Protein backbone atom coordinates (compact mmCIF):
# COMPACT_ATOMS: atom_id res chain seq x y z
CA MET A 1 44.27 0.55 -179.42
CA TRP A 2 40.46 0.79 -178.18
CA ARG A 3 39.36 2.32 -174.79
CA GLY A 4 35.97 1.30 -172.88
CA ALA A 5 34.63 -0.93 -170.03
CA ILE A 6 33.72 -4.73 -169.68
CA SER A 7 30.16 -4.16 -168.76
CA PHE A 8 30.51 -7.28 -165.60
CA GLY A 9 26.89 -7.33 -163.76
CA MET A 10 26.50 -3.97 -162.35
CA VAL A 11 30.31 -3.46 -162.29
CA ALA A 12 32.22 -1.39 -165.12
CA ILE A 13 35.61 -2.01 -165.19
CA PRO A 14 37.55 -0.07 -167.26
CA VAL A 15 40.25 -1.10 -170.07
CA ARG A 16 42.84 -0.63 -172.95
CA MET A 17 42.53 -3.18 -175.84
CA TYR A 18 45.64 -3.89 -178.04
CA LEU A 19 45.92 -6.37 -180.73
CA ALA A 20 47.42 -9.80 -179.47
CA THR A 21 49.25 -10.69 -182.65
CA ASP A 22 51.65 -9.20 -185.11
CA SER A 23 51.56 -10.03 -188.49
CA LYS A 24 54.94 -11.01 -190.12
CA SER A 25 53.61 -11.75 -193.95
CA VAL A 26 56.28 -10.38 -196.53
CA SER A 27 54.20 -7.46 -198.61
CA PHE A 28 54.58 -6.45 -202.12
CA ARG A 29 53.89 -3.08 -203.68
CA MET A 30 52.86 -2.87 -207.22
CA LEU A 31 55.27 -0.99 -209.44
CA CYS A 32 55.75 0.66 -212.82
CA PRO A 33 57.63 -2.09 -214.80
CA SER A 34 59.35 0.32 -217.14
CA CYS A 35 60.57 2.66 -214.30
CA GLY A 36 60.32 0.85 -211.07
CA ARG A 37 58.54 3.09 -208.96
CA PRO A 38 55.12 2.28 -207.47
CA ILE A 39 52.10 2.65 -208.78
CA LYS A 40 48.81 4.30 -207.21
CA GLN A 41 45.42 2.90 -207.57
CA LYS A 42 42.69 5.67 -208.35
CA ARG A 43 39.24 5.68 -207.72
CA TRP A 44 37.50 5.62 -211.26
CA CYS A 45 33.96 6.06 -212.30
CA PRO A 46 33.33 4.56 -215.54
CA HIS A 47 29.75 6.45 -215.83
CA GLU A 48 31.36 10.08 -215.52
CA ASP A 49 34.72 8.73 -216.67
CA ARG A 50 36.24 10.74 -213.85
CA GLU A 51 38.74 10.29 -211.03
CA ILE A 52 36.63 10.79 -207.58
CA GLY A 53 38.75 11.91 -204.60
CA TRP A 54 38.49 10.14 -201.41
CA THR A 55 36.37 13.00 -199.64
CA GLU A 56 33.83 12.27 -202.67
CA THR A 57 32.89 8.96 -202.08
CA ALA A 58 29.71 7.88 -200.99
CA ARG A 59 29.05 4.05 -199.16
CA GLY A 60 26.15 1.97 -200.76
CA TYR A 61 24.43 -1.00 -199.50
CA GLU A 62 23.94 -3.74 -202.39
CA VAL A 63 20.32 -4.54 -202.39
CA ALA A 64 20.26 -6.25 -206.03
CA LYS A 65 22.55 -6.55 -209.23
CA ASP A 66 23.61 -2.30 -209.61
CA GLU A 67 21.22 -1.59 -207.00
CA PHE A 68 22.59 0.43 -204.16
CA VAL A 69 20.87 2.14 -200.74
CA ARG A 70 23.12 4.60 -199.83
CA ILE A 71 23.99 4.74 -196.00
CA GLU A 72 24.98 7.67 -194.66
CA ASP A 73 27.15 8.84 -191.29
CA ALA A 74 23.97 10.42 -189.68
CA ASP A 75 22.31 6.80 -190.10
CA LEU A 76 25.17 5.08 -188.82
CA GLU A 77 25.18 7.44 -185.79
CA ARG A 78 21.32 5.83 -185.33
CA VAL A 79 22.33 2.20 -184.82
CA PRO A 80 21.64 1.40 -181.47
CA LEU A 81 25.02 -0.66 -180.47
CA SER A 82 25.75 -0.50 -176.85
CA THR A 83 28.78 -2.26 -177.16
CA THR A 84 30.65 0.47 -179.31
CA LYS A 85 32.78 1.67 -175.82
CA ALA A 86 31.83 -1.46 -174.27
CA VAL A 87 32.63 -5.16 -173.66
CA GLU A 88 29.36 -6.46 -172.82
CA ILE A 89 29.44 -9.80 -170.85
CA LEU A 90 26.25 -12.18 -171.16
CA GLU A 91 27.45 -15.19 -170.11
CA PHE A 92 29.89 -17.54 -168.65
CA VAL A 93 30.50 -20.93 -170.16
CA ASP A 94 32.94 -23.88 -170.08
CA ASP A 95 35.23 -23.48 -172.73
CA SER A 96 35.46 -27.19 -173.87
CA GLU A 97 31.70 -26.05 -175.45
CA ILE A 98 33.30 -23.51 -177.93
CA ASP A 99 34.67 -25.42 -180.71
CA PRO A 100 38.32 -23.11 -181.57
CA GLY A 101 38.42 -24.50 -184.69
CA VAL A 102 35.63 -22.46 -186.65
CA TYR A 103 34.84 -19.94 -184.06
CA ILE A 104 37.81 -17.82 -183.01
CA LYS A 105 38.82 -15.10 -184.97
CA GLY A 106 41.15 -12.67 -183.35
CA ALA A 107 43.16 -11.85 -180.34
CA TYR A 108 43.23 -8.78 -178.29
CA TYR A 109 44.90 -8.00 -174.77
CA LEU A 110 43.03 -6.52 -172.12
CA GLU A 111 44.78 -4.13 -170.01
CA PRO A 112 42.95 -2.31 -167.05
CA GLU A 113 43.03 1.38 -166.33
CA ALA A 114 44.46 2.31 -163.18
CA VAL A 115 41.20 2.52 -161.82
CA GLY A 116 39.93 -0.69 -162.72
CA ALA A 117 42.86 -2.63 -161.62
CA LYS A 118 40.85 -3.92 -158.55
CA PRO A 119 37.60 -4.82 -160.71
CA TYR A 120 39.88 -6.12 -162.92
CA ALA A 121 41.87 -8.68 -160.56
CA LEU A 122 38.40 -9.81 -159.31
CA LEU A 123 37.07 -10.63 -162.75
CA ARG A 124 39.91 -12.79 -163.26
CA LYS A 125 40.02 -14.23 -160.22
CA ALA A 126 36.85 -15.35 -159.94
CA LEU A 127 37.22 -16.85 -164.13
CA GLU A 128 40.40 -18.29 -162.17
CA SER A 129 38.61 -20.06 -159.41
CA THR A 130 35.05 -20.99 -161.72
CA GLY A 131 37.27 -22.36 -164.70
CA ARG A 132 34.86 -20.69 -166.77
CA VAL A 133 35.34 -18.16 -169.71
CA ALA A 134 33.13 -14.88 -170.51
CA ILE A 135 31.26 -14.72 -174.05
CA GLY A 136 29.77 -10.94 -174.68
CA ARG A 137 29.66 -8.62 -177.57
CA ILE A 138 31.76 -5.77 -178.71
CA ALA A 139 31.36 -3.07 -181.46
CA LEU A 140 34.62 -3.04 -183.22
CA ARG A 141 35.15 -1.51 -187.29
CA ASP A 142 31.45 -0.76 -188.41
CA ARG A 143 30.41 -4.27 -186.87
CA GLU A 144 29.02 -6.12 -183.71
CA HIS A 145 31.28 -9.24 -183.00
CA LEU A 146 30.67 -12.35 -180.09
CA CYS A 147 33.57 -12.77 -178.42
CA ARG A 148 34.94 -14.90 -175.67
CA LEU A 149 37.26 -13.20 -172.16
CA ALA A 150 39.13 -15.33 -171.08
CA LEU A 151 41.99 -15.87 -168.68
CA HIS A 152 45.91 -15.59 -170.50
CA GLU A 153 49.15 -15.81 -168.59
CA GLU A 154 49.06 -12.74 -166.01
CA GLY A 155 46.10 -11.22 -167.77
CA LEU A 156 43.01 -11.43 -169.76
CA VAL A 157 42.73 -12.17 -173.87
CA LEU A 158 39.39 -10.91 -175.71
CA ASN A 159 39.13 -13.25 -179.06
CA THR A 160 36.36 -11.92 -180.96
CA LEU A 161 34.05 -15.21 -182.61
CA HIS A 162 32.03 -16.05 -185.59
CA TRP A 163 28.26 -15.38 -185.49
CA PRO A 164 26.68 -19.07 -185.61
CA ASP A 165 25.43 -17.99 -189.62
CA GLU A 166 29.00 -17.43 -190.46
CA ILE A 167 30.18 -20.86 -190.30
CA ARG A 168 29.41 -23.08 -193.19
CA ASP A 169 27.44 -26.55 -192.77
CA LEU A 170 30.24 -29.39 -192.71
CA HIS A 171 27.94 -31.61 -194.66
CA GLU A 172 28.53 -29.26 -197.58
CA LEU A 173 31.79 -31.68 -198.14
CA LYS A 174 31.58 -35.06 -199.26
CA LEU A 175 33.28 -36.73 -196.14
CA PRO A 176 34.41 -40.57 -195.80
CA GLY A 177 31.46 -42.72 -194.46
CA GLU A 178 30.78 -46.21 -192.71
CA ASP A 179 31.58 -47.49 -196.22
CA VAL A 180 35.12 -46.81 -195.88
CA THR A 181 36.88 -49.33 -193.52
CA VAL A 182 39.95 -48.91 -191.89
CA ASP A 183 42.19 -51.85 -191.38
CA ASP A 184 42.75 -52.85 -187.55
CA ARG A 185 46.78 -53.17 -188.56
CA GLU A 186 46.67 -49.71 -190.11
CA LEU A 187 45.00 -47.96 -187.48
CA ASP A 188 47.50 -49.32 -185.07
CA MET A 189 50.63 -48.39 -187.21
CA ALA A 190 48.83 -45.00 -187.55
CA LYS A 191 48.65 -44.44 -183.76
CA MET A 192 52.39 -46.00 -183.38
CA LEU A 193 53.11 -42.98 -186.04
CA ILE A 194 51.48 -40.46 -183.70
CA ASP A 195 53.08 -41.90 -180.32
CA ASN A 196 56.41 -41.25 -182.27
CA LEU A 197 55.59 -37.44 -183.32
CA THR A 198 53.99 -36.40 -179.82
CA ALA A 199 55.55 -33.65 -178.52
CA THR A 200 54.87 -30.67 -176.15
CA PHE A 201 53.66 -27.60 -177.82
CA ASP A 202 56.35 -25.18 -178.10
CA PRO A 203 55.32 -22.68 -181.42
CA ALA A 204 59.35 -21.10 -180.75
CA ARG A 205 60.52 -24.64 -183.00
CA HIS A 206 58.48 -23.45 -185.88
CA THR A 207 59.17 -21.21 -188.13
CA ASP A 208 57.54 -19.19 -191.21
CA ARG A 209 60.14 -21.00 -193.68
CA TYR A 210 58.10 -19.52 -197.08
CA ARG A 211 58.75 -15.99 -195.05
CA GLU A 212 62.47 -16.80 -194.53
CA ALA A 213 62.94 -18.21 -198.33
CA LEU A 214 61.46 -14.94 -199.34
CA LEU A 215 63.82 -12.23 -197.72
CA GLN A 216 66.60 -14.24 -198.90
CA ILE A 217 65.96 -13.69 -202.26
CA VAL A 218 65.14 -9.77 -201.55
CA GLU A 219 68.75 -9.89 -199.36
CA GLU A 220 70.17 -12.13 -202.69
CA LYS A 221 68.56 -9.17 -204.95
CA MET A 222 70.41 -6.58 -203.07
CA GLY A 223 73.39 -8.02 -203.45
CA GLU A 224 74.15 -9.03 -199.84
CA GLN A 225 74.22 -12.24 -200.40
CA PRO A 226 73.49 -15.43 -202.95
CA ALA A 227 70.31 -17.71 -202.61
CA GLU A 228 70.13 -21.34 -202.79
CA ALA A 229 67.75 -22.84 -204.90
CA ALA A 230 64.62 -24.93 -202.82
CA ALA A 231 65.34 -28.40 -204.21
CA PRO A 232 62.27 -29.50 -206.31
CA ALA A 233 59.37 -31.00 -204.35
CA GLU A 234 59.03 -34.99 -205.28
CA PRO A 235 55.59 -35.53 -207.06
CA ALA A 236 53.23 -37.39 -204.67
CA ARG A 237 53.70 -41.16 -205.38
CA ALA A 238 50.56 -43.74 -204.86
CA LEU A 239 52.17 -46.48 -202.44
CA ASP A 240 50.37 -48.88 -200.42
CA LEU A 241 48.90 -47.40 -196.81
CA MET A 242 50.37 -49.61 -195.12
CA ALA A 243 53.97 -49.68 -196.52
CA ALA A 244 53.67 -45.70 -196.45
CA LEU A 245 52.30 -45.83 -192.89
CA LYS A 246 55.67 -48.42 -191.92
CA ALA A 247 57.75 -45.99 -193.23
CA SER A 248 56.61 -42.96 -191.59
CA VAL A 249 56.61 -44.60 -188.71
CA GLU A 250 60.51 -45.75 -189.06
CA ALA A 251 61.43 -42.09 -190.40
CA SER A 252 59.93 -40.64 -187.17
CA ARG A 253 62.15 -43.25 -184.47
CA ARG A 254 65.50 -41.97 -186.80
CA THR A 255 64.19 -38.28 -186.71
CA ARG A 256 63.29 -39.00 -182.47
CA ASP A 257 66.73 -40.61 -181.82
CA GLU A 258 68.75 -38.14 -183.46
CA ALA A 259 67.10 -34.79 -182.04
CA PRO A 260 69.42 -33.22 -179.08
CA PRO A 261 67.88 -33.03 -175.63
CA ALA A 262 65.27 -30.13 -175.35
CA GLU A 263 67.74 -28.54 -173.00
CA GLU A 264 70.81 -29.11 -175.03
CA ALA A 265 68.94 -27.47 -178.71
CA GLU A 266 70.29 -24.49 -180.23
CA PRO A 267 67.71 -21.84 -180.19
CA ALA A 268 66.03 -20.65 -183.99
CA ALA A 269 67.63 -18.14 -185.75
CA ASP A 270 65.31 -15.20 -186.23
CA ALA A 271 64.91 -14.66 -189.82
CA ALA A 272 62.38 -12.78 -189.35
CA THR A 273 63.86 -9.64 -189.47
CA ALA A 274 62.79 -7.56 -192.82
CA PRO A 275 66.14 -6.43 -195.07
CA ALA A 276 67.05 -2.73 -194.44
CA LYS A 277 65.38 -0.35 -197.38
CA GLY A 278 69.17 1.07 -197.92
CA ARG A 279 71.99 -0.91 -198.33
CA ARG A 280 74.35 -0.43 -195.83
CA ARG A 281 77.99 0.22 -196.67
CA GLY A 282 81.28 0.20 -194.69
CA ALA A 283 81.98 -1.38 -191.68
CA ALA A 284 78.65 -2.23 -190.89
CA LYS A 285 77.84 -4.23 -193.50
CA ALA A 286 80.87 -5.91 -193.04
CA GLU A 287 80.12 -6.31 -189.46
CA ALA A 288 76.32 -7.61 -190.25
CA GLU A 289 77.79 -9.98 -192.98
CA ALA A 290 80.11 -11.63 -190.15
CA GLU A 291 77.70 -12.13 -187.40
CA ALA A 292 74.81 -13.58 -189.69
CA PRO A 293 74.19 -17.24 -188.95
CA ALA A 294 75.48 -19.59 -191.32
CA ARG A 295 72.32 -21.45 -191.38
CA ARG A 296 70.21 -18.77 -192.33
CA ARG A 297 72.34 -18.64 -195.46
CA LYS A 298 71.58 -21.93 -196.50
CA ALA A 299 67.75 -21.85 -195.91
CA SER A 300 65.91 -22.42 -198.74
């Protein structure tokens, strides 16, 4: 949690900032292959051939190959950053001017302190009335970030942004140019496919199948249940573009026709729950197995 203030003209809005996202990635520990216990990584100096304690380490900036400038804590304290405890608003822009595909990085929720409730509500109302977002600066994790401040449901969200010099030039890629022609029939078929697959964005419809499959393998290793092997992916075949588009359109029509109405669709099972570290025995295990949804057992 970060605590500071939003600097809005002559107004300071005390806020707390929280991560808006939570990583659900499956992580692994590195184990010794013989005893199965976690291994430790040591900070080793190859020059002195000895382990370096964490409190002994120093920081340095590499200016050339194996050439460093030492940076001490006192040097960092001299960095003139007014944004270490404040979100400094610089300007207000139309949100459509920010390309979210390359600029937006992290997301954080902003919560006002008790004394900042009214100015927080004022800023939120002003953003809502003007239809704009705020652009500012904030210092996090030893560096300053460009940031976007915008409405999100009943509150405000802060997005850290990439600096312009961090974004690579798209022209470094070899992209199709005017020499590549698109047939009108192919374009019409592609647009028909897009129309058939058009839907209202609902992220709850989608799940992380890779994570679900990994967790199922973990449960299998724990002796909970066997995991079904995933069907091998078919190798890509070179097809006529028009034939591939027609086949895709027909498949999307069948999928759309067979799909149940949104209000009758059964909610997706939460397969994101990590397995318990220790095996549970007796009644607790029997009850958990009895309540496990069938489709999770078949996930692959």
